[in-house]
Amino acid sequence: MLATNIDSTWLRYSKNVNTTKHSKAWWDEDYCKDLNKYQQSQSLEDWKNFKKMVKKTKHVFFYDKIDKITNKKCGL
């Protein structure tokens, strides 16, 4: 009974999430590779590696964006 309720609740409120390489501008091949690795293993170590990679990738992407905007305003 409990398992049936949990299963029906899960199906009612969950949603499918499709990740594609075009979902965010900063996503790259490493993101997809590490995400798939974590999804397959579900290990804490792979999750930590994935989060570190996301943080690094975002940092580099947005730093480059800010640098381009700054150089454009300064006429460089």
Protein backbone atom coordinates (compact mmCIF):
# COMPACT_ATOMS: atom_id res chain seq x y z
CA MET A 1 0.00 0.00 0.00
CA LEU A 2 2.72 2.48 0.97
CA ALA A 3 4.85 1.58 -2.06
CA THR A 4 1.86 2.07 -4.36
CA ASN A 5 1.14 5.51 -2.86
CA ILE A 6 4.76 6.57 -3.19
CA ASP A 7 4.90 5.31 -6.77
CA SER A 8 1.71 7.10 -7.80
CA THR A 9 2.82 10.30 -6.07
CA TRP A 10 6.19 10.13 -7.80
CA LEU A 11 4.55 9.72 -11.20
CA ARG A 12 2.09 12.54 -10.54
CA TYR A 13 4.60 15.18 -9.37
CA SER A 14 7.84 14.29 -11.11
CA LYS A 15 8.83 15.69 -14.46
CA ASN A 16 11.27 14.60 -17.12
CA VAL A 17 14.30 16.81 -17.56
CA ASN A 18 16.08 16.73 -20.86
CA THR A 19 19.57 18.15 -20.92
CA THR A 20 21.06 19.18 -24.19
CA LYS A 21 24.30 20.84 -25.11
CA HIS A 22 22.34 23.96 -26.08
CA SER A 23 20.51 24.37 -22.78
CA LYS A 24 22.93 26.92 -21.32
CA ALA A 25 25.64 28.94 -23.01
CA TRP A 26 28.34 27.72 -20.62
CA TRP A 27 27.58 24.01 -21.05
CA ASP A 28 30.26 22.12 -22.90
CA GLU A 29 31.37 18.57 -23.60
CA ASP A 30 32.94 18.20 -20.14
CA TYR A 31 29.63 19.15 -18.55
CA CYS A 32 27.72 16.51 -20.50
CA LYS A 33 30.39 13.89 -19.90
CA ASP A 34 30.58 14.48 -16.14
CA LEU A 35 26.80 14.71 -15.80
CA ASN A 36 26.34 11.38 -17.59
CA LYS A 37 29.07 9.82 -15.45
CA TYR A 38 27.31 10.94 -12.26
CA GLN A 39 23.88 9.85 -13.51
CA GLN A 40 25.21 6.39 -14.26
CA SER A 41 27.12 5.86 -11.00
CA GLN A 42 25.11 7.99 -8.53
CA SER A 43 28.26 8.14 -6.40
CA LEU A 44 29.08 11.02 -4.06
CA GLU A 45 32.58 11.32 -5.51
CA ASP A 46 31.25 11.74 -9.06
CA TRP A 47 28.74 14.32 -7.78
CA LYS A 48 31.54 16.32 -6.14
CA ASN A 49 33.63 16.16 -9.32
CA PHE A 50 30.63 17.27 -11.37
CA LYS A 51 29.91 20.25 -9.09
CA LYS A 52 33.58 21.31 -9.14
CA MET A 53 33.59 21.16 -12.92
CA VAL A 54 30.36 23.22 -13.13
CA LYS A 55 31.77 25.87 -10.81
CA LYS A 56 35.01 26.09 -12.78
CA THR A 57 33.25 26.16 -16.16
CA LYS A 58 30.84 28.90 -15.06
CA HIS A 59 33.68 30.93 -13.61
CA VAL A 60 35.72 30.78 -16.82
CA PHE A 61 32.70 31.46 -19.04
CA PHE A 62 31.46 34.49 -17.12
CA TYR A 63 34.95 35.87 -16.53
CA ASP A 64 35.50 35.80 -20.31
CA LYS A 65 32.11 37.47 -20.86
CA ILE A 66 32.91 40.24 -18.38
CA ASP A 67 36.35 40.68 -19.91
CA LYS A 68 34.86 41.08 -23.42
CA ILE A 69 32.32 43.65 -22.18
CA THR A 70 35.02 45.60 -20.32
CA ASN A 71 37.34 45.66 -23.31
CA LYS A 72 34.50 46.70 -25.60
CA LYS A 73 33.59 49.67 -23.35
CA CYS A 74 37.23 50.74 -23.06
CA GLY A 75 37.75 50.52 -26.81
CA LEU A 76 40.44 47.85 -26.58
